[in-house]
């Protein structure tokens, strides 16, 4: 079984609109339990990163999951300490080995860094040209970073993974990315659980007999976003997939949009870029 909904990247590759995030999931037993629950619930897309230090554990879990490789969509990201041309190529090889894969579905630059900005992307373009990865993209890039990348890039990023939730709607950046044909993937879609205490979301959730988290994930999907919630709780993992049987009204979508207050759960990409890391 696979979840309903896919987004087509501009190079023709399809990515599930609902994926499973693995940030802070590192303990083997916990990871195995989470992955088993996710696969049973219908997840087929899994998102990790060199920074998360769980590629080996995730790779082992997926290698023994019983689901054919071609049914899975695996994403990882180049860490800040591994950026640069040769360094990126070596990091990619390590990630493939850790994940026990012959190729990646999606490889991303985790953060824009001033010193290695162009060299890192050149290496990722090479990996794509060599058909070692099906799609390439970036995370945490603002419009200014895309405009800068255009100066030297031969291949436009196919996706931008950014922090999006009701308290950080990123509407202007979403408009820019949409105009450029770049798909958008939301990390921290539930604002690290803050949405569960939000009266606006709770009131909407009660109408549909859903949770505030489910309403928030539905809001993401109706915006055309790819969303990657994370949980180690099997019950919550299953709950997060039950978002395809109701539709929010335009008025409800607007109500949620109005919660925007520019609140970030993670660093500001402009600061990371200038500092060249965290």
C-alpha atoms as a PDB file:
ATOM      1  CA  UNK A   1       0.000   0.000   0.000  1.00  0.00           C
ATOM      2  CA  UNK A   2       1.210   3.514  -0.791  1.00  0.00           C
ATOM      3  CA  UNK A   3      -0.178   6.824   0.370  1.00  0.00           C
ATOM      4  CA  UNK A   4      -2.392   8.942  -1.843  1.00  0.00           C
ATOM      5  CA  UNK A   5      -0.771  11.863  -3.586  1.00  0.00           C
ATOM      6  CA  UNK A   6       2.447  12.596  -5.430  1.00  0.00           C
ATOM      7  CA  UNK A   7       4.211  15.720  -6.614  1.00  0.00           C
ATOM      8  CA  UNK A   8       5.907  15.727 -10.006  1.00  0.00           C
ATOM      9  CA  UNK A   9       9.305  17.410 -10.031  1.00  0.00           C
ATOM     10  CA  UNK A  10      10.208  19.392 -13.143  1.00  0.00           C
ATOM     11  CA  UNK A  11      12.510  16.575 -14.355  1.00  0.00           C
ATOM     12  CA  UNK A  12       9.581  14.131 -14.358  1.00  0.00           C
ATOM     13  CA  UNK A  13      10.410  12.287 -11.123  1.00  0.00           C
ATOM     14  CA  UNK A  14       7.470  11.763  -8.763  1.00  0.00           C
ATOM     15  CA  UNK A  15       7.863  12.168  -4.994  1.00  0.00           C
ATOM     16  CA  UNK A  16       5.160  11.169  -2.485  1.00  0.00           C
ATOM     17  CA  UNK A  17       3.402  14.219  -1.058  1.00  0.00           C
ATOM     18  CA  UNK A  18       3.629  12.737   2.436  1.00  0.00           C
ATOM     19  CA  UNK A  19       6.967  11.429   3.637  1.00  0.00           C
ATOM     20  CA  UNK A  20       8.490  10.283   6.911  1.00  0.00           C
ATOM     21  CA  UNK A  21      11.051  12.504   8.645  1.00  0.00           C
ATOM     22  CA  UNK A  22      13.756  10.901  10.788  1.00  0.00           C
ATOM     23  CA  UNK A  23      15.361  13.868  12.601  1.00  0.00           C
ATOM     24  CA  UNK A  24      16.494  12.808  16.119  1.00  0.00           C
ATOM     25  CA  UNK A  25      15.623   9.157  15.491  1.00  0.00           C
ATOM     26  CA  UNK A  26      18.918   7.367  16.183  1.00  0.00           C
ATOM     27  CA  UNK A  27      18.343   4.469  18.601  1.00  0.00           C
ATOM     28  CA  UNK A  28      18.174   1.230  16.535  1.00  0.00           C
ATOM     29  CA  UNK A  29      15.170  -0.347  18.249  1.00  0.00           C
ATOM     30  CA  UNK A  30      13.253   2.929  18.121  1.00  0.00           C
ATOM     31  CA  UNK A  31      14.102   3.388  14.446  1.00  0.00           C
ATOM     32  CA  UNK A  32      13.108  -0.178  13.545  1.00  0.00           C
ATOM     33  CA  UNK A  33       9.770   0.217  15.324  1.00  0.00           C
ATOM     34  CA  UNK A  34       9.103   3.572  13.669  1.00  0.00           C
ATOM     35  CA  UNK A  35      10.017   2.374  10.176  1.00  0.00           C
ATOM     36  CA  UNK A  36       7.897  -0.761  10.531  1.00  0.00           C
ATOM     37  CA  UNK A  37       4.908   1.331  11.643  1.00  0.00           C
ATOM     38  CA  UNK A  38       5.499   3.840   8.849  1.00  0.00           C
ATOM     39  CA  UNK A  39       5.678   1.200   6.137  1.00  0.00           C
ATOM     40  CA  UNK A  40       2.560  -0.521   7.467  1.00  0.00           C
ATOM     41  CA  UNK A  41       0.742   2.817   7.422  1.00  0.00           C
ATOM     42  CA  UNK A  42       1.696   3.351   3.776  1.00  0.00           C
ATOM     43  CA  UNK A  43       4.762   5.573   3.906  1.00  0.00           C
ATOM     44  CA  UNK A  44       7.231   4.995   1.103  1.00  0.00           C
ATOM     45  CA  UNK A  45       9.299   8.210   1.268  1.00  0.00           C
ATOM     46  CA  UNK A  46      11.946   8.553   3.992  1.00  0.00           C
ATOM     47  CA  UNK A  47      13.992  11.661   4.701  1.00  0.00           C
ATOM     48  CA  UNK A  48      17.337  11.662   6.506  1.00  0.00           C
ATOM     49  CA  UNK A  49      20.593  13.646   6.488  1.00  0.00           C
ATOM     50  CA  UNK A  50      24.267  13.243   7.221  1.00  0.00           C
ATOM     51  CA  UNK A  51      23.688  15.658  10.113  1.00  0.00           C
ATOM     52  CA  UNK A  52      21.138  13.319  11.739  1.00  0.00           C
ATOM     53  CA  UNK A  53      23.746  10.565  12.231  1.00  0.00           C
ATOM     54  CA  UNK A  54      21.166   7.863  11.549  1.00  0.00           C
ATOM     55  CA  UNK A  55      21.816   6.890   7.928  1.00  0.00           C
ATOM     56  CA  UNK A  56      23.284   3.499   8.894  1.00  0.00           C
ATOM     57  CA  UNK A  57      20.426   2.663  11.255  1.00  0.00           C
ATOM     58  CA  UNK A  58      17.831   3.740   8.697  1.00  0.00           C
ATOM     59  CA  UNK A  59      19.636   1.872   5.926  1.00  0.00           C
ATOM     60  CA  UNK A  60      19.642  -1.311   7.941  1.00  0.00           C
ATOM     61  CA  UNK A  61      15.941  -0.983   8.786  1.00  0.00           C
ATOM     62  CA  UNK A  62      14.962  -0.401   5.159  1.00  0.00           C
ATOM     63  CA  UNK A  63      17.231  -3.190   3.899  1.00  0.00           C
ATOM     64  CA  UNK A  64      15.203  -5.667   5.951  1.00  0.00           C
ATOM     65  CA  UNK A  65      11.758  -4.092   5.512  1.00  0.00           C
ATOM     66  CA  UNK A  66      10.521  -6.403   2.756  1.00  0.00           C
ATOM     67  CA  UNK A  67       9.536  -3.538   0.441  1.00  0.00           C
ATOM     68  CA  UNK A  68      11.146  -3.452  -3.003  1.00  0.00           C
ATOM     69  CA  UNK A  69      13.750  -0.719  -3.492  1.00  0.00           C
ATOM     70  CA  UNK A  70      11.920   0.774  -6.473  1.00  0.00           C
ATOM     71  CA  UNK A  71       8.874   1.409  -4.263  1.00  0.00           C
ATOM     72  CA  UNK A  72      10.911   3.529  -1.842  1.00  0.00           C
ATOM     73  CA  UNK A  73      11.899   7.187  -2.179  1.00  0.00           C
ATOM     74  CA  UNK A  74      15.005   7.910  -0.122  1.00  0.00           C
ATOM     75  CA  UNK A  75      16.355  11.403   0.543  1.00  0.00           C
ATOM     76  CA  UNK A  76      19.513  12.472   2.336  1.00  0.00           C
ATOM     77  CA  UNK A  77      21.441  15.724   2.641  1.00  0.00           C
ATOM     78  CA  UNK A  78      25.039  16.907   2.552  1.00  0.00           C
ATOM     79  CA  UNK A  79      26.160  18.148   5.973  1.00  0.00           C
ATOM     80  CA  UNK A  80      27.697  21.572   6.538  1.00  0.00           C
ATOM     81  CA  UNK A  81      31.080  20.090   7.493  1.00  0.00           C
ATOM     82  CA  UNK A  82      31.188  18.068   4.269  1.00  0.00           C
ATOM     83  CA  UNK A  83      30.481  20.805   1.745  1.00  0.00           C
ATOM     84  CA  UNK A  84      32.877  21.640  -1.084  1.00  0.00           C
ATOM     85  CA  UNK A  85      33.410  19.832  -4.407  1.00  0.00           C
ATOM     86  CA  UNK A  86      35.535  16.800  -3.504  1.00  0.00           C
ATOM     87  CA  UNK A  87      34.151  16.688   0.016  1.00  0.00           C
ATOM     88  CA  UNK A  88      30.578  16.454  -1.301  1.00  0.00           C
ATOM     89  CA  UNK A  89      31.457  13.568  -3.621  1.00  0.00           C
ATOM     90  CA  UNK A  90      33.072  11.686  -0.731  1.00  0.00           C
ATOM     91  CA  UNK A  91      30.147  12.419   1.569  1.00  0.00           C
ATOM     92  CA  UNK A  92      27.711  11.108  -1.051  1.00  0.00           C
ATOM     93  CA  UNK A  93      29.639   7.841  -1.263  1.00  0.00           C
ATOM     94  CA  UNK A  94      29.562   7.498   2.533  1.00  0.00           C
ATOM     95  CA  UNK A  95      25.832   8.161   2.614  1.00  0.00           C
ATOM     96  CA  UNK A  96      25.155   5.551  -0.062  1.00  0.00           C
ATOM     97  CA  UNK A  97      27.225   3.013   1.837  1.00  0.00           C
ATOM     98  CA  UNK A  98      25.543   3.828   5.139  1.00  0.00           C
ATOM     99  CA  UNK A  99      22.097   3.638   3.581  1.00  0.00           C
ATOM    100  CA  UNK A 100      23.019   0.392   1.781  1.00  0.00           C
ATOM    101  CA  UNK A 101      21.875   1.790  -1.552  1.00  0.00           C
ATOM    102  CA  UNK A 102      23.118   1.827  -5.136  1.00  0.00           C
ATOM    103  CA  UNK A 103      21.504   5.192  -5.868  1.00  0.00           C
ATOM    104  CA  UNK A 104      19.568   7.953  -4.128  1.00  0.00           C
ATOM    105  CA  UNK A 105      16.173   9.279  -5.102  1.00  0.00           C
ATOM    106  CA  UNK A 106      16.905  12.798  -3.864  1.00  0.00           C
ATOM    107  CA  UNK A 107      20.107  14.489  -2.676  1.00  0.00           C
ATOM    108  CA  UNK A 108      19.938  17.908  -1.049  1.00  0.00           C
ATOM    109  CA  UNK A 109      22.255  20.681   0.111  1.00  0.00           C
ATOM    110  CA  UNK A 110      21.250  20.941   3.773  1.00  0.00           C
ATOM    111  CA  UNK A 111      22.101  24.632   4.281  1.00  0.00           C
ATOM    112  CA  UNK A 112      23.474  27.404   2.038  1.00  0.00           C
ATOM    113  CA  UNK A 113      27.085  28.157   3.014  1.00  0.00           C
ATOM    114  CA  UNK A 114      28.942  31.169   1.677  1.00  0.00           C
ATOM    115  CA  UNK A 115      32.406  29.627   1.273  1.00  0.00           C
ATOM    116  CA  UNK A 116      31.309  26.442  -0.535  1.00  0.00           C
ATOM    117  CA  UNK A 117      28.149  27.689  -2.204  1.00  0.00           C
ATOM    118  CA  UNK A 118      28.995  26.984  -5.840  1.00  0.00           C
ATOM    119  CA  UNK A 119      31.466  24.103  -5.372  1.00  0.00           C
ATOM    120  CA  UNK A 120      28.936  21.994  -3.469  1.00  0.00           C
ATOM    121  CA  UNK A 121      26.259  22.439  -6.133  1.00  0.00           C
ATOM    122  CA  UNK A 122      28.731  21.630  -8.932  1.00  0.00           C
ATOM    123  CA  UNK A 123      29.459  18.300  -7.226  1.00  0.00           C
ATOM    124  CA  UNK A 124      25.761  17.545  -6.871  1.00  0.00           C
ATOM    125  CA  UNK A 125      25.216  18.372 -10.548  1.00  0.00           C
ATOM    126  CA  UNK A 126      27.937  15.848 -11.385  1.00  0.00           C
ATOM    127  CA  UNK A 127      26.228  13.163  -9.291  1.00  0.00           C
ATOM    128  CA  UNK A 128      22.998  13.859 -11.148  1.00  0.00           C
ATOM    129  CA  UNK A 129      24.697  13.781 -14.558  1.00  0.00           C
ATOM    130  CA  UNK A 130      26.290  10.461 -13.589  1.00  0.00           C
ATOM    131  CA  UNK A 131      22.785   9.124 -12.774  1.00  0.00           C
ATOM    132  CA  UNK A 132      23.722   8.298  -9.198  1.00  0.00           C
ATOM    133  CA  UNK A 133      20.735  10.283  -7.940  1.00  0.00           C
ATOM    134  CA  UNK A 134      17.331  10.706  -9.557  1.00  0.00           C
ATOM    135  CA  UNK A 135      16.704  14.272  -8.395  1.00  0.00           C
ATOM    136  CA  UNK A 136      18.688  17.040  -6.733  1.00  0.00           C
ATOM    137  CA  UNK A 137      17.759  20.061  -4.695  1.00  0.00           C
ATOM    138  CA  UNK A 138      18.448  22.259  -1.721  1.00  0.00           C
ATOM    139  CA  UNK A 139      17.175  23.012   1.762  1.00  0.00           C
ATOM    140  CA  UNK A 140      16.724  26.332   3.501  1.00  0.00           C
ATOM    141  CA  UNK A 141      17.423  28.465   0.425  1.00  0.00           C
ATOM    142  CA  UNK A 142      15.864  31.920   0.250  1.00  0.00           C
ATOM    143  CA  UNK A 143      15.150  33.729  -3.020  1.00  0.00           C
ATOM    144  CA  UNK A 144      18.500  35.523  -2.759  1.00  0.00           C
ATOM    145  CA  UNK A 145      20.308  32.175  -2.630  1.00  0.00           C
ATOM    146  CA  UNK A 146      18.512  30.930  -5.750  1.00  0.00           C
ATOM    147  CA  UNK A 147      19.293  34.113  -7.638  1.00  0.00           C
ATOM    148  CA  UNK A 148      22.951  33.756  -6.658  1.00  0.00           C
ATOM    149  CA  UNK A 149      23.030  30.088  -7.677  1.00  0.00           C
ATOM    150  CA  UNK A 150      21.735  30.992 -11.135  1.00  0.00           C
ATOM    151  CA  UNK A 151      25.065  32.699 -11.857  1.00  0.00           C
ATOM    152  CA  UNK A 152      26.932  29.394 -12.118  1.00  0.00           C
ATOM    153  CA  UNK A 153      24.419  26.544 -11.988  1.00  0.00           C
ATOM    154  CA  UNK A 154      23.829  24.365 -15.031  1.00  0.00           C
ATOM    155  CA  UNK A 155      20.907  22.550 -13.402  1.00  0.00           C
ATOM    156  CA  UNK A 156      18.187  24.296 -11.422  1.00  0.00           C
ATOM    157  CA  UNK A 157      17.328  22.680  -8.063  1.00  0.00           C
ATOM    158  CA  UNK A 158      14.221  20.549  -8.398  1.00  0.00           C
ATOM    159  CA  UNK A 159      13.066  21.022  -4.822  1.00  0.00           C
ATOM    160  CA  UNK A 160      13.592  23.302  -1.841  1.00  0.00           C
ATOM    161  CA  UNK A 161      13.022  21.852   1.624  1.00  0.00           C
ATOM    162  CA  UNK A 162      12.196  24.693   4.031  1.00  0.00           C
ATOM    163  CA  UNK A 163      10.632  25.239   7.425  1.00  0.00           C
ATOM    164  CA  UNK A 164       6.896  25.770   6.955  1.00  0.00           C
ATOM    165  CA  UNK A 165       4.071  25.573   9.484  1.00  0.00           C
ATOM    166  CA  UNK A 166       1.113  27.793  10.465  1.00  0.00           C
ATOM    167  CA  UNK A 167       3.426  30.154  12.391  1.00  0.00           C
ATOM    168  CA  UNK A 168       5.870  30.472   9.464  1.00  0.00           C
ATOM    169  CA  UNK A 169       3.873  30.280   6.246  1.00  0.00           C
ATOM    170  CA  UNK A 170       6.673  31.525   3.929  1.00  0.00           C
ATOM    171  CA  UNK A 171       4.088  32.807   1.459  1.00  0.00           C
ATOM    172  CA  UNK A 172       6.397  35.086  -0.540  1.00  0.00           C
ATOM    173  CA  UNK A 173       9.063  32.384  -0.856  1.00  0.00           C
ATOM    174  CA  UNK A 174       6.427  29.848  -1.889  1.00  0.00           C
ATOM    175  CA  UNK A 175       5.226  32.244  -4.609  1.00  0.00           C
ATOM    176  CA  UNK A 176       8.776  32.639  -5.905  1.00  0.00           C
ATOM    177  CA  UNK A 177       9.488  28.902  -5.923  1.00  0.00           C
ATOM    178  CA  UNK A 178       6.193  28.159  -7.645  1.00  0.00           C
ATOM    179  CA  UNK A 179       6.994  30.708 -10.358  1.00  0.00           C
ATOM    180  CA  UNK A 180      10.356  28.976 -10.859  1.00  0.00           C
ATOM    181  CA  UNK A 181       8.815  25.509 -11.092  1.00  0.00           C
ATOM    182  CA  UNK A 182      10.663  24.344  -7.970  1.00  0.00           C
ATOM    183  CA  UNK A 183       8.774  21.913  -5.720  1.00  0.00           C
ATOM    184  CA  UNK A 184       8.443  22.781  -2.027  1.00  0.00           C
ATOM    185  CA  UNK A 185       8.893  20.397   0.886  1.00  0.00           C
ATOM    186  CA  UNK A 186       8.053  21.416   4.453  1.00  0.00           C
ATOM    187  CA  UNK A 187      10.183  20.450   7.434  1.00  0.00           C
ATOM    188  CA  UNK A 188       9.012  20.971  11.024  1.00  0.00           C
ATOM    189  CA  UNK A 189       5.455  21.033   9.613  1.00  0.00           C
ATOM    190  CA  UNK A 190       3.907  20.794  13.078  1.00  0.00           C
ATOM    191  CA  UNK A 191       6.172  23.452  14.637  1.00  0.00           C
ATOM    192  CA  UNK A 192       7.595  20.763  16.935  1.00  0.00           C
ATOM    193  CA  UNK A 193       4.167  20.046  18.388  1.00  0.00           C
ATOM    194  CA  UNK A 194       3.123  23.649  19.037  1.00  0.00           C
ATOM    195  CA  UNK A 195       0.116  23.259  16.735  1.00  0.00           C
ATOM    196  CA  UNK A 196      -1.486  20.801  19.150  1.00  0.00           C
ATOM    197  CA  UNK A 197      -2.218  23.636  21.596  1.00  0.00           C
ATOM    198  CA  UNK A 198      -3.559  26.088  19.007  1.00  0.00           C
ATOM    199  CA  UNK A 199      -7.263  26.902  19.558  1.00  0.00           C
ATOM    200  CA  UNK A 200      -7.893  27.776  15.903  1.00  0.00           C
ATOM    201  CA  UNK A 201      -6.597  24.367  14.829  1.00  0.00           C
ATOM    202  CA  UNK A 202      -8.355  22.508  17.622  1.00  0.00           C
ATOM    203  CA  UNK A 203     -11.701  24.092  16.707  1.00  0.00           C
ATOM    204  CA  UNK A 204     -11.287  23.120  13.044  1.00  0.00           C
ATOM    205  CA  UNK A 205     -10.142  19.633  14.070  1.00  0.00           C
ATOM    206  CA  UNK A 206     -13.241  19.079  16.199  1.00  0.00           C
ATOM    207  CA  UNK A 207     -15.437  19.787  13.174  1.00  0.00           C
ATOM    208  CA  UNK A 208     -13.818  16.959  11.206  1.00  0.00           C
ATOM    209  CA  UNK A 209     -13.199  14.648  14.178  1.00  0.00           C
ATOM    210  CA  UNK A 210      -9.475  14.976  13.567  1.00  0.00           C
ATOM    211  CA  UNK A 211      -6.494  16.210  15.574  1.00  0.00           C
ATOM    212  CA  UNK A 212      -4.840  19.619  15.291  1.00  0.00           C
ATOM    213  CA  UNK A 213      -1.816  17.867  13.766  1.00  0.00           C
ATOM    214  CA  UNK A 214      -3.946  16.208  11.111  1.00  0.00           C
ATOM    215  CA  UNK A 215      -5.568  19.526  10.222  1.00  0.00           C
ATOM    216  CA  UNK A 216      -2.124  21.138   9.942  1.00  0.00           C
ATOM    217  CA  UNK A 217      -0.813  18.395   7.661  1.00  0.00           C
ATOM    218  CA  UNK A 218      -3.955  18.683   5.543  1.00  0.00           C
ATOM    219  CA  UNK A 219      -3.324  22.453   5.273  1.00  0.00           C
ATOM    220  CA  UNK A 220       0.143  21.711   3.895  1.00  0.00           C
ATOM    221  CA  UNK A 221      -1.178  19.259   1.314  1.00  0.00           C
ATOM    222  CA  UNK A 222      -3.876  21.642   0.104  1.00  0.00           C
ATOM    223  CA  UNK A 223      -1.148  24.214  -0.508  1.00  0.00           C
ATOM    224  CA  UNK A 224       0.486  21.733  -2.876  1.00  0.00           C
ATOM    225  CA  UNK A 225       3.407  21.136  -0.523  1.00  0.00           C
ATOM    226  CA  UNK A 226       5.313  17.954   0.204  1.00  0.00           C
ATOM    227  CA  UNK A 227       5.322  17.365   3.944  1.00  0.00           C
ATOM    228  CA  UNK A 228       7.538  15.164   6.142  1.00  0.00           C
ATOM    229  CA  UNK A 229       6.254  14.849   9.721  1.00  0.00           C
ATOM    230  CA  UNK A 230       8.413  12.940  12.197  1.00  0.00           C
ATOM    231  CA  UNK A 231       7.354  10.735  15.091  1.00  0.00           C
ATOM    232  CA  UNK A 232       8.685   7.755  17.005  1.00  0.00           C
ATOM    233  CA  UNK A 233       5.207   6.883  18.269  1.00  0.00           C
ATOM    234  CA  UNK A 234       3.536   4.185  16.097  1.00  0.00           C
ATOM    235  CA  UNK A 235       0.067   5.485  16.924  1.00  0.00           C
ATOM    236  CA  UNK A 236       1.026   9.027  15.935  1.00  0.00           C
ATOM    237  CA  UNK A 237       2.779   7.761  12.803  1.00  0.00           C
ATOM    238  CA  UNK A 238      -0.472   6.114  11.701  1.00  0.00           C
ATOM    239  CA  UNK A 239      -2.542   9.149  12.707  1.00  0.00           C
ATOM    240  CA  UNK A 240      -0.421  11.407  10.504  1.00  0.00           C
ATOM    241  CA  UNK A 241      -1.477   9.426   7.420  1.00  0.00           C
ATOM    242  CA  UNK A 242      -5.221   9.859   8.034  1.00  0.00           C
ATOM    243  CA  UNK A 243      -5.403  13.166   6.205  1.00  0.00           C
ATOM    244  CA  UNK A 244      -6.782  12.199   2.811  1.00  0.00           C
ATOM    245  CA  UNK A 245     -10.451  11.776   3.785  1.00  0.00           C
ATOM    246  CA  UNK A 246     -11.408  15.406   4.468  1.00  0.00           C
ATOM    247  CA  UNK A 247     -10.933  18.809   2.816  1.00  0.00           C
ATOM    248  CA  UNK A 248     -10.470  22.165   4.530  1.00  0.00           C
ATOM    249  CA  UNK A 249     -12.628  25.015   3.267  1.00  0.00           C
ATOM    250  CA  UNK A 250     -11.036  28.163   1.770  1.00  0.00           C
ATOM    251  CA  UNK A 251     -12.104  30.049   4.906  1.00  0.00           C
ATOM    252  CA  UNK A 252     -10.385  27.485   7.144  1.00  0.00           C
ATOM    253  CA  UNK A 253      -7.234  27.643   5.034  1.00  0.00           C
ATOM    254  CA  UNK A 254      -7.257  31.442   5.484  1.00  0.00           C
ATOM    255  CA  UNK A 255      -7.776  31.118   9.238  1.00  0.00           C
ATOM    256  CA  UNK A 256      -4.663  28.961   9.464  1.00  0.00           C
ATOM    257  CA  UNK A 257      -2.682  31.308   7.214  1.00  0.00           C
ATOM    258  CA  UNK A 258      -3.443  34.144   9.629  1.00  0.00           C
ATOM    259  CA  UNK A 259      -1.555  32.345  12.422  1.00  0.00           C
ATOM    260  CA  UNK A 260       1.689  33.353  10.693  1.00  0.00           C
ATOM    261  CA  UNK A 261       4.003  35.281  13.019  1.00  0.00           C
ATOM    262  CA  UNK A 262       7.416  34.612  11.461  1.00  0.00           C
ATOM    263  CA  UNK A 263       8.245  32.100  14.202  1.00  0.00           C
ATOM    264  CA  UNK A 264      11.113  29.705  13.469  1.00  0.00           C
ATOM    265  CA  UNK A 265      11.905  26.448  15.243  1.00  0.00           C
ATOM    266  CA  UNK A 266      15.296  26.334  13.492  1.00  0.00           C
ATOM    267  CA  UNK A 267      18.025  28.776  12.385  1.00  0.00           C
ATOM    268  CA  UNK A 268      17.507  31.588   9.916  1.00  0.00           C
ATOM    269  CA  UNK A 269      19.162  30.497   6.629  1.00  0.00           C
ATOM    270  CA  UNK A 270      20.544  33.996   6.005  1.00  0.00           C
ATOM    271  CA  UNK A 271      22.444  33.856   9.302  1.00  0.00           C
ATOM    272  CA  UNK A 272      23.748  30.341   8.574  1.00  0.00           C
ATOM    273  CA  UNK A 273      24.892  31.451   5.117  1.00  0.00           C
ATOM    274  CA  UNK A 274      26.856  34.432   6.425  1.00  0.00           C
ATOM    275  CA  UNK A 275      28.392  32.494   9.316  1.00  0.00           C
ATOM    276  CA  UNK A 276      29.144  29.584   6.964  1.00  0.00           C
ATOM    277  CA  UNK A 277      27.537  27.165   9.412  1.00  0.00           C
ATOM    278  CA  UNK A 278      25.787  27.065  12.750  1.00  0.00           C
END
